Amino acid sequence: MKKTPEIKVGILFKKEFSFTLSGKFSDEQKENVLDGTWQASIQGEKIRLEKEGEVLVVPNGVTFFPCGETAGPFTLHDVTIGINFHWERDEDQVFKGGLKLLIENEKITAINILSVEDYLMSVISSEMSATSSKELLKAHAVISRSWLLAQIEKNKALQDSKEKYESVFESDEELIRWYDREDHINFDVCADDHCQRYQGITRSSTPLVEEAVKETWGEILANGEAICDARFSKCCGGVTEVFENVWEPVNHPYLQKFADNDVNPEGYSMDLEKEEAANKWILGSPEAFCNTTDQQVLSQVLNDYDQETQDFYRWKVAYTQQELSELVKKRTDIDFGLVSDLIPVERGTSGRLIKLKIVGEKKTLTIGKELVIRKALSESHLYSSAFVVEKITTGEEVRFVLHGAGWGHGVGLCQIGAAVMGAKGYSYKEILMHYFRGASLDKRY
């Protein structure tokens, strides 16, 4: 049986910060043995550590590991979570495993080194409530493990490739880009929503989470020999999106469009790339697994700060013309002047906008893909790019109302839909085969 892989997770990125070691930790050369609370800062090309007047200057990239089984976890203080989201905040977080300190972009990155399975214990409790149904937890263990190992394989392939990876395409008429995990060079994944929420052992695990991980130990979704790039979002809005409409233009046969239901909802066309069908779908409330107001089910998926949002299946945001113009300028760093229109240019299979034309008195530009659109039209992130624009003119006043569907990119597993399926008695394998059609389950270690 293969050994459980180890991973590196980027947690914190600051010019200086403090951390607390519970018990003794040593560097790889056993030259420095530390415990207690230390302040880390940059000193030239090295890292300065200070504790109650004691100063250590250690090499860039130093890694501290717990000394034996008596050493406890370590705490990183004031870790920012929910970066650029509406619930962004700082909190102290506790981690198992090793701590690496690395200077990047004039800041220190704190990296946690630990086993994949220990990581999964936390991810499941960070992405959703640790009190979720066991079948949902098992399904999430498999997709989180699959996604993580697929990213490691992808990053290695990108580093080995001689071709430059491009994720931005810009002209006078268009600005198209996508955001993905290749942004991380010195660690495998980050700890925030950009990758998967990972908050160490701060989010207390439960015996049920531990059972879910152990019962699926080493199990991944496979597409032939390849590990599936198993994406997930909070709420698909009733229909899933395909991978290439959100990220790089590569088709994954197991990440396709389908209604989040056993059957297509009656009264709706599923040809949501077309404006008329997308309008009816988004302005309607079609039956779907994720179309639920059951608080008991929602509390399985939504942590306390997620429950600050209630309108994720269908939502509405309104701006005055002046508010919209100022927001777009601030968020894109492009001066469009007074924005007079938002015109859908291209929609994906879920009705999500892939391209949106912003018409201003100074500049007109088509932007995409979906996260670029979401960033441009919100102080944080618009819930999704599946929206229709209602332009209301009253006298000289112009208002833009965005009527939207879903929360997130909509690719792969829909967390709220999966929670409903679990509550309805579907097994974790049935949940996985619903969202990743054509994939198979495979035990890798």
Protein backbone atom coordinates (compact mmCIF):
# COMPACT_ATOMS: atom_id res chain seq x y z
CA MET A 1 0.00 0.00 0.00
CA LYS A 2 1.33 3.43 -0.91
CA LYS A 3 2.24 5.92 1.81
CA THR A 4 -0.21 8.76 2.54
CA PRO A 5 1.07 11.86 0.69
CA GLU A 6 2.19 15.04 2.49
CA ILE A 7 1.13 18.48 1.33
CA LYS A 8 2.10 22.12 1.82
CA VAL A 9 -0.69 24.62 2.56
CA GLY A 10 -0.15 28.41 2.41
CA ILE A 11 -1.93 29.91 5.42
CA LEU A 12 -0.85 33.47 6.12
CA PHE A 13 0.91 36.22 4.12
CA LYS A 14 2.11 39.24 6.13
CA LYS A 15 5.18 41.42 6.66
CA GLU A 16 5.21 40.30 10.28
CA PHE A 17 3.10 38.11 12.53
CA SER A 18 3.24 36.11 15.73
CA PHE A 19 2.92 32.36 16.28
CA THR A 20 2.79 30.13 19.35
CA LEU A 21 4.37 26.68 19.54
CA SER A 22 2.74 24.30 22.03
CA GLY A 23 5.72 22.26 23.11
CA LYS A 24 9.16 22.06 21.51
CA PHE A 25 9.69 22.42 17.75
CA SER A 26 13.04 22.14 15.96
CA ASP A 27 14.33 23.02 12.53
CA GLU A 28 15.44 20.27 10.15
CA GLN A 29 19.09 20.60 11.17
CA LYS A 30 18.17 20.42 14.91
CA GLU A 31 20.13 23.67 15.37
CA ASN A 32 17.24 25.68 16.84
CA VAL A 33 14.68 24.32 19.28
CA LEU A 34 11.78 26.68 19.96
CA ASP A 35 8.66 26.85 22.09
CA GLY A 36 6.26 29.58 23.22
CA THR A 37 5.21 32.73 21.33
CA TRP A 38 7.48 34.32 18.70
CA GLN A 39 7.24 37.38 16.46
CA ALA A 40 8.39 36.82 12.86
CA SER A 41 9.65 39.64 10.60
CA ILE A 42 11.96 40.07 7.61
CA GLN A 43 15.64 40.92 8.15
CA GLY A 44 17.37 41.29 4.80
CA GLU A 45 17.11 37.94 3.05
CA LYS A 46 16.52 36.08 6.30
CA ILE A 47 13.75 35.83 8.89
CA ARG A 48 14.04 37.40 12.33
CA LEU A 49 12.32 35.62 15.22
CA GLU A 50 11.93 37.41 18.56
CA LYS A 51 10.60 36.25 21.92
CA GLU A 52 10.84 38.31 25.10
CA GLY A 53 14.12 39.91 24.03
CA GLU A 54 15.60 36.70 22.62
CA VAL A 55 16.41 37.05 18.92
CA LEU A 56 17.05 34.33 16.33
CA VAL A 57 17.88 35.01 12.68
CA VAL A 58 17.01 31.94 10.60
CA PRO A 59 17.32 31.15 6.88
CA ASN A 60 14.52 31.94 4.45
CA GLY A 61 12.48 28.74 4.04
CA VAL A 62 13.20 27.40 7.53
CA THR A 63 10.81 24.64 8.63
CA PHE A 64 10.00 23.72 12.21
CA PHE A 65 8.62 20.31 13.12
CA PRO A 66 7.24 19.15 16.48
CA CYS A 67 9.78 17.27 18.60
CA GLY A 68 8.24 13.90 19.31
CA GLU A 69 4.72 13.01 20.30
CA THR A 70 4.71 15.27 23.37
CA ALA A 71 4.75 18.43 21.23
CA GLY A 72 1.32 19.88 20.55
CA PRO A 73 0.01 21.97 17.66
CA PHE A 74 1.05 25.51 16.75
CA THR A 75 -1.09 28.67 16.56
CA LEU A 76 -0.89 31.39 13.91
CA HIS A 77 -2.32 34.65 15.24
CA ASP A 78 -4.60 36.98 13.23
CA VAL A 79 -5.00 34.81 10.14
CA THR A 80 -7.22 36.54 7.56
CA ILE A 81 -10.05 34.30 6.35
CA GLY A 82 -12.65 34.99 3.65
CA ILE A 83 -10.18 37.21 1.76
CA ASN A 84 -12.15 39.77 -0.33
CA PHE A 85 -15.46 38.16 0.63
CA HIS A 86 -18.25 39.94 2.53
CA TRP A 87 -17.41 38.07 5.75
CA GLU A 88 -13.62 38.68 5.72
CA ARG A 89 -12.14 38.68 9.24
CA ASP A 90 -9.03 37.81 11.25
CA GLU A 91 -8.85 34.93 13.71
CA ASP A 92 -6.28 32.83 15.54
CA GLN A 93 -5.94 29.36 14.03
CA VAL A 94 -4.40 26.15 15.36
CA PHE A 95 -2.57 23.61 13.18
CA LYS A 96 -1.04 20.13 13.35
CA GLY A 97 2.24 19.25 11.65
CA GLY A 98 5.16 21.41 10.53
CA LEU A 99 5.52 25.19 10.05
CA LYS A 100 7.59 26.61 7.17
CA LEU A 101 8.43 30.34 6.92
CA LEU A 102 9.16 31.67 3.45
CA ILE A 103 9.74 35.20 2.12
CA GLU A 104 7.56 35.93 -0.94
CA ASN A 105 6.78 39.33 -2.46
CA GLU A 106 8.25 41.20 0.55
CA LYS A 107 6.01 39.28 2.95
CA ILE A 108 6.44 36.14 5.01
CA THR A 109 4.31 33.18 4.00
CA ALA A 110 3.46 30.72 6.77
CA ILE A 111 3.08 27.22 5.30
CA ASN A 112 1.63 24.22 7.12
CA ILE A 113 3.14 20.82 6.20
CA LEU A 114 0.94 17.82 7.03
CA SER A 115 -0.55 14.61 5.64
CA VAL A 116 -3.41 14.68 3.14
CA GLU A 117 -5.74 12.85 5.53
CA ASP A 118 -5.07 15.24 8.45
CA TYR A 119 -5.73 18.08 6.03
CA LEU A 120 -9.04 16.53 5.01
CA MET A 121 -10.20 16.25 8.63
CA SER A 122 -10.02 20.03 8.80
CA VAL A 123 -11.24 20.88 5.30
CA ILE A 124 -14.50 19.06 5.78
CA SER A 125 -15.10 20.85 9.07
CA SER A 126 -14.04 24.20 7.55
CA GLU A 127 -16.04 23.92 4.32
CA MET A 128 -19.20 22.85 6.13
CA SER A 129 -20.54 22.05 9.56
CA ALA A 130 -18.91 19.06 11.24
CA THR A 131 -22.46 17.96 12.15
CA SER A 132 -23.41 17.24 8.53
CA SER A 133 -24.85 13.87 7.51
CA LYS A 134 -22.28 11.11 7.23
CA GLU A 135 -22.95 10.45 3.52
CA LEU A 136 -22.41 14.12 2.71
CA LEU A 137 -19.16 14.13 4.73
CA LYS A 138 -17.93 11.01 2.94
CA ALA A 139 -18.76 12.51 -0.47
CA HIS A 140 -16.90 15.68 0.47
CA ALA A 141 -13.90 13.72 1.72
CA VAL A 142 -13.60 12.03 -1.68
CA ILE A 143 -13.95 15.21 -3.75
CA SER A 144 -11.62 17.26 -1.51
CA ARG A 145 -8.98 14.51 -1.66
CA SER A 146 -9.41 14.19 -5.43
CA TRP A 147 -9.24 17.92 -6.05
CA LEU A 148 -6.14 18.31 -3.90
CA LEU A 149 -4.18 15.46 -5.50
CA ALA A 150 -5.25 16.61 -8.98
CA GLN A 151 -3.88 20.11 -8.22
CA ILE A 152 -0.56 18.67 -7.11
CA GLU A 153 -0.34 16.70 -10.37
CA LYS A 154 -1.34 19.78 -12.38
CA ASN A 155 1.20 22.04 -10.66
CA LYS A 156 3.96 19.52 -11.32
CA ALA A 157 2.94 19.28 -14.99
CA LEU A 158 2.93 23.10 -15.28
CA GLN A 159 6.39 23.35 -13.74
CA ASP A 160 7.73 20.61 -16.04
CA SER A 161 6.12 22.17 -19.12
CA LYS A 162 8.25 24.35 -21.36
CA GLU A 163 5.22 26.31 -22.52
CA LYS A 164 4.26 29.44 -20.60
CA TYR A 165 0.87 29.11 -18.92
CA GLU A 166 -1.45 31.93 -20.00
CA SER A 167 -4.58 32.93 -18.07
CA VAL A 168 -5.04 36.51 -19.35
CA PHE A 169 -6.10 37.57 -22.85
CA GLU A 170 -6.38 41.32 -23.39
CA SER A 171 -7.19 43.59 -26.34
CA ASP A 172 -8.79 47.01 -26.82
CA GLU A 173 -12.21 45.35 -26.89
CA GLU A 174 -11.85 42.51 -24.37
CA LEU A 175 -10.26 41.58 -21.04
CA ILE A 176 -10.60 37.84 -20.43
CA ARG A 177 -8.90 36.05 -17.56
CA TRP A 178 -9.46 33.25 -15.10
CA TYR A 179 -8.08 32.57 -11.65
CA ASP A 180 -6.87 29.12 -10.70
CA ARG A 181 -4.44 27.27 -8.46
CA GLU A 182 -1.37 27.79 -10.62
CA ASP A 183 -1.02 31.15 -8.81
CA HIS A 184 0.72 29.16 -6.03
CA ILE A 185 4.31 28.20 -6.78
CA ASN A 186 5.88 27.52 -3.38
CA PHE A 187 3.07 25.46 -1.84
CA ASP A 188 0.39 23.11 -3.11
CA VAL A 189 -2.77 25.00 -2.12
CA CYS A 190 -3.83 28.02 -0.08
CA ALA A 191 -6.18 27.86 2.91
CA ASP A 192 -8.96 30.17 1.73
CA ASP A 193 -11.89 29.99 -0.69
CA HIS A 194 -9.49 30.51 -3.62
CA CYS A 195 -8.64 26.82 -3.08
CA GLN A 196 -10.46 25.00 -0.27
CA ARG A 197 -11.23 26.43 3.14
CA TYR A 198 -8.67 25.00 5.55
CA GLN A 199 -8.60 26.38 9.06
CA GLY A 200 -6.45 23.81 10.83
CA ILE A 201 -7.98 22.24 13.91
CA THR A 202 -9.66 25.56 14.77
CA ARG A 203 -12.91 24.16 13.38
CA SER A 204 -13.31 21.30 15.78
CA SER A 205 -13.73 17.95 14.09
CA THR A 206 -16.17 15.30 15.31
CA PRO A 207 -16.12 11.51 15.46
CA LEU A 208 -18.41 11.54 12.40
CA VAL A 209 -15.90 13.59 10.35
CA GLU A 210 -13.10 11.26 11.40
CA GLU A 211 -15.21 8.24 10.41
CA ALA A 212 -16.00 9.83 7.03
CA VAL A 213 -12.31 10.34 6.28
CA LYS A 214 -11.23 6.93 7.56
CA GLU A 215 -13.99 5.07 5.69
CA THR A 216 -12.94 6.73 2.40
CA TRP A 217 -9.17 6.69 3.18
CA GLY A 218 -7.20 7.05 -0.05
CA GLU A 219 -10.35 7.01 -2.19
CA ILE A 220 -10.50 9.37 -5.16
CA LEU A 221 -12.64 10.05 -8.22
CA ALA A 222 -10.88 8.87 -11.37
CA ASN A 223 -11.25 9.53 -15.07
CA GLY A 224 -9.39 6.51 -16.43
CA GLU A 225 -5.94 6.70 -14.81
CA ALA A 226 -6.18 10.44 -14.14
CA ILE A 227 -7.43 11.86 -10.84
CA CYS A 228 -10.53 13.99 -11.36
CA ASP A 229 -10.25 17.73 -10.88
CA ALA A 230 -13.29 17.52 -8.57
CA ARG A 231 -14.61 21.06 -8.20
CA PHE A 232 -17.43 22.18 -5.92
CA SER A 233 -19.36 25.34 -5.10
CA LYS A 234 -21.83 26.38 -2.44
CA CYS A 235 -24.99 26.49 -4.59
CA CYS A 236 -25.25 25.84 -8.33
CA GLY A 237 -28.59 27.65 -8.63
CA GLY A 238 -30.33 24.61 -10.08
CA VAL A 239 -27.98 23.66 -12.92
CA THR A 240 -24.25 22.99 -13.15
CA GLU A 241 -21.66 24.76 -15.28
CA VAL A 242 -18.90 23.18 -17.38
CA PHE A 243 -15.24 23.55 -16.39
CA GLU A 244 -14.00 25.39 -19.48
CA ASN A 245 -16.49 28.24 -19.07
CA VAL A 246 -14.96 29.14 -15.70
CA TRP A 247 -11.28 28.20 -15.96
CA GLU A 248 -8.88 27.20 -18.71
CA PRO A 249 -10.37 26.04 -22.05
CA VAL A 250 -9.99 22.31 -21.29
CA ASN A 251 -12.95 19.94 -21.31
CA HIS A 252 -13.30 17.46 -18.46
CA PRO A 253 -15.95 14.88 -19.42
CA TYR A 254 -17.01 14.38 -15.78
CA LEU A 255 -17.71 18.14 -15.25
CA GLN A 256 -20.75 18.74 -17.41
CA LYS A 257 -24.10 20.52 -17.45
CA PHE A 258 -27.19 18.95 -15.90
CA ALA A 259 -30.10 20.02 -13.72
CA ASP A 260 -29.51 19.58 -10.00
CA ASN A 261 -32.45 17.21 -9.83
CA ASP A 262 -33.41 13.69 -10.82
CA VAL A 263 -35.29 15.15 -13.82
CA ASN A 264 -35.28 18.44 -15.73
CA PRO A 265 -37.78 20.89 -14.16
CA GLU A 266 -41.01 21.28 -16.11
CA GLY A 267 -41.73 24.56 -17.89
CA TYR A 268 -38.11 25.56 -18.47
CA SER A 269 -35.80 25.29 -21.46
CA MET A 270 -32.37 23.98 -20.44
CA ASP A 271 -30.73 25.81 -23.37
CA LEU A 272 -29.47 28.46 -20.94
CA GLU A 273 -26.82 29.87 -23.26
CA LYS A 274 -29.75 31.63 -24.94
CA GLU A 275 -30.86 34.88 -23.35
CA GLU A 276 -34.59 34.15 -23.31
CA ALA A 277 -34.15 30.76 -21.59
CA ALA A 278 -31.59 32.18 -19.11
CA ASN A 279 -33.93 35.05 -18.19
CA LYS A 280 -36.84 32.72 -17.45
CA TRP A 281 -34.62 30.31 -15.49
CA ILE A 282 -32.93 32.97 -13.34
CA LEU A 283 -36.11 34.94 -12.69
CA GLY A 284 -37.98 31.72 -11.86
CA SER A 285 -37.56 29.22 -9.04
CA PRO A 286 -37.22 25.79 -10.67
CA GLU A 287 -37.25 22.72 -8.48
CA ALA A 288 -33.76 21.51 -7.60
CA PHE A 289 -31.97 19.74 -4.78
CA CYS A 290 -30.33 23.07 -3.86
CA ASN A 291 -33.64 24.99 -3.92
CA THR A 292 -34.29 24.61 -0.21
CA THR A 293 -35.05 26.74 2.82
CA ASP A 294 -34.66 23.85 5.28
CA GLN A 295 -32.49 25.41 7.98
CA GLN A 296 -31.51 22.04 9.40
CA VAL A 297 -30.09 20.99 6.04
CA LEU A 298 -28.53 24.40 5.33
CA SER A 299 -26.80 24.44 8.71
CA GLN A 300 -24.94 21.28 7.64
CA VAL A 301 -23.26 23.16 4.81
CA LEU A 302 -23.15 26.75 6.03
CA ASN A 303 -20.84 27.78 8.86
CA ASP A 304 -21.88 30.70 11.08
CA TYR A 305 -20.46 33.35 8.75
CA ASP A 306 -22.01 31.70 5.68
CA GLN A 307 -25.41 31.81 7.37
CA GLU A 308 -25.10 35.60 7.34
CA THR A 309 -26.29 35.09 3.75
CA GLN A 310 -29.75 33.62 3.16
CA ASP A 311 -30.57 34.44 -0.47
CA PHE A 312 -28.18 32.15 -2.31
CA TYR A 313 -30.59 30.23 -4.59
CA ARG A 314 -32.09 33.45 -5.99
CA TRP A 315 -30.80 36.90 -5.06
CA LYS A 316 -30.99 40.55 -6.05
CA VAL A 317 -28.52 43.46 -5.97
CA ALA A 318 -29.37 47.06 -6.95
CA TYR A 319 -27.13 50.03 -7.82
CA THR A 320 -27.76 53.59 -8.91
CA GLN A 321 -25.98 54.54 -12.11
CA GLN A 322 -23.48 56.59 -10.11
CA GLU A 323 -22.87 53.76 -7.62
CA LEU A 324 -22.31 51.25 -10.41
CA SER A 325 -19.93 53.56 -12.29
CA GLU A 326 -17.83 54.23 -9.19
CA LEU A 327 -17.83 50.55 -8.20
CA VAL A 328 -16.68 49.31 -11.62
CA LYS A 329 -13.90 51.91 -11.74
CA LYS A 330 -12.71 50.96 -8.25
CA ARG A 331 -12.83 47.21 -8.82
CA THR A 332 -11.38 47.07 -12.35
CA ASP A 333 -9.06 50.09 -12.12
CA ILE A 334 -10.54 51.16 -15.47
CA ASP A 335 -12.32 54.51 -15.92
CA PHE A 336 -15.42 53.73 -17.98
CA GLY A 337 -16.95 57.10 -17.12
CA LEU A 338 -20.69 57.01 -16.43
CA VAL A 339 -21.81 53.42 -17.13
CA SER A 340 -24.90 53.40 -19.35
CA ASP A 341 -25.40 49.67 -19.89
CA LEU A 342 -24.41 46.12 -18.94
CA ILE A 343 -24.91 43.83 -21.94
CA PRO A 344 -24.70 40.01 -21.77
CA VAL A 345 -22.35 38.81 -24.52
CA GLU A 346 -21.97 35.09 -23.81
CA ARG A 347 -23.51 32.72 -21.28
CA GLY A 348 -22.40 29.29 -20.17
CA THR A 349 -24.46 26.14 -19.86
CA SER A 350 -25.87 27.20 -16.47
CA GLY A 351 -26.81 30.70 -17.63
CA ARG A 352 -23.70 32.11 -15.94
CA LEU A 353 -22.18 35.00 -17.85
CA ILE A 354 -18.82 34.18 -19.38
CA LYS A 355 -18.58 37.57 -21.09
CA LEU A 356 -20.25 40.87 -20.13
CA LYS A 357 -19.97 44.16 -22.05
CA ILE A 358 -19.69 47.27 -19.88
CA VAL A 359 -20.75 50.36 -21.82
CA GLY A 360 -19.47 53.68 -20.48
CA GLU A 361 -19.22 57.23 -21.77
CA LYS A 362 -15.40 57.01 -21.77
CA LYS A 363 -14.82 53.35 -22.55
CA THR A 364 -16.63 50.19 -23.61
CA LEU A 365 -15.06 46.83 -22.76
CA THR A 366 -16.12 43.19 -22.66
CA ILE A 367 -14.89 41.40 -19.54
CA GLY A 368 -14.76 37.73 -18.47
CA LYS A 369 -14.59 35.01 -17.26
CA GLU A 370 -17.07 34.56 -14.44
CA LEU A 371 -14.91 35.58 -11.47
CA VAL A 372 -13.72 38.75 -13.25
CA ILE A 373 -17.39 39.68 -13.73
CA ARG A 374 -18.21 38.90 -10.09
CA LYS A 375 -15.27 40.98 -8.85
CA ALA A 376 -16.17 43.96 -11.06
CA LEU A 377 -19.77 44.23 -9.85
CA SER A 378 -19.34 43.88 -6.10
CA GLU A 379 -17.22 45.28 -3.27
CA SER A 380 -16.22 41.66 -2.60
CA HIS A 381 -17.53 38.95 -4.94
CA LEU A 382 -20.99 38.91 -6.50
CA TYR A 383 -22.63 35.64 -5.44
CA SER A 384 -22.39 34.32 -9.00
CA SER A 385 -22.27 35.47 -12.62
CA ALA A 386 -25.67 33.87 -13.31
CA PHE A 387 -27.70 37.07 -13.43
CA VAL A 388 -29.94 39.15 -15.66
CA VAL A 389 -29.77 42.94 -15.75
CA GLU A 390 -32.87 45.07 -15.24
CA LYS A 391 -32.28 48.71 -16.16
CA ILE A 392 -34.87 51.05 -14.60
CA THR A 393 -35.15 54.69 -15.71
CA THR A 394 -37.27 57.05 -13.59
CA GLY A 395 -37.03 60.58 -14.87
CA GLU A 396 -33.31 61.36 -14.85
CA GLU A 397 -32.47 58.58 -12.40
CA VAL A 398 -31.15 55.25 -13.73
CA ARG A 399 -30.92 52.12 -11.56
CA PHE A 400 -29.44 48.73 -12.37
CA VAL A 401 -30.96 45.70 -10.66
CA LEU A 402 -29.11 42.40 -10.98
CA HIS A 403 -31.36 39.36 -10.50
CA GLY A 404 -29.13 36.36 -9.84
CA ALA A 405 -29.00 32.61 -9.22
CA GLY A 406 -26.65 30.49 -7.13
CA TRP A 407 -23.56 31.08 -5.03
CA GLY A 408 -20.21 30.31 -6.63
CA HIS A 409 -19.01 29.02 -10.00
CA GLY A 410 -21.46 26.10 -10.22
CA VAL A 411 -18.95 23.53 -11.48
CA GLY A 412 -19.00 20.00 -10.03
CA LEU A 413 -20.63 19.23 -6.70
CA CYS A 414 -23.23 21.65 -5.35
CA GLN A 415 -22.75 21.60 -1.56
CA ILE A 416 -26.30 22.58 -0.67
CA GLY A 417 -27.71 20.16 -3.27
CA ALA A 418 -25.50 17.38 -1.91
CA ALA A 419 -26.66 18.14 1.64
CA VAL A 420 -30.27 17.78 0.52
CA MET A 421 -29.44 14.51 -1.24
CA GLY A 422 -27.82 13.22 1.95
CA ALA A 423 -30.89 14.20 3.95
CA LYS A 424 -33.09 12.36 1.42
CA GLY A 425 -31.16 9.13 1.96
CA TYR A 426 -28.81 9.07 -1.05
CA SER A 427 -25.48 7.31 -0.40
CA TYR A 428 -22.18 9.13 -0.82
CA LYS A 429 -21.51 7.12 -4.00
CA GLU A 430 -24.90 8.15 -5.44
CA ILE A 431 -24.16 11.78 -4.58
CA LEU A 432 -20.76 11.59 -6.30
CA MET A 433 -22.13 9.89 -9.41
CA HIS A 434 -24.88 12.54 -9.66
CA TYR A 435 -22.36 15.39 -9.77
CA PHE A 436 -19.41 13.69 -11.50
CA ARG A 437 -21.03 11.72 -14.29
CA GLY A 438 -18.84 9.13 -15.95
CA ALA A 439 -16.20 9.20 -13.18
CA SER A 440 -15.31 6.13 -11.10
CA LEU A 441 -14.19 5.58 -7.52
CA ASP A 442 -10.61 4.34 -7.06
CA LYS A 443 -8.53 3.65 -3.94
CA ARG A 444 -5.00 5.06 -4.41
CA TYR A 445 -3.42 4.37 -1.00
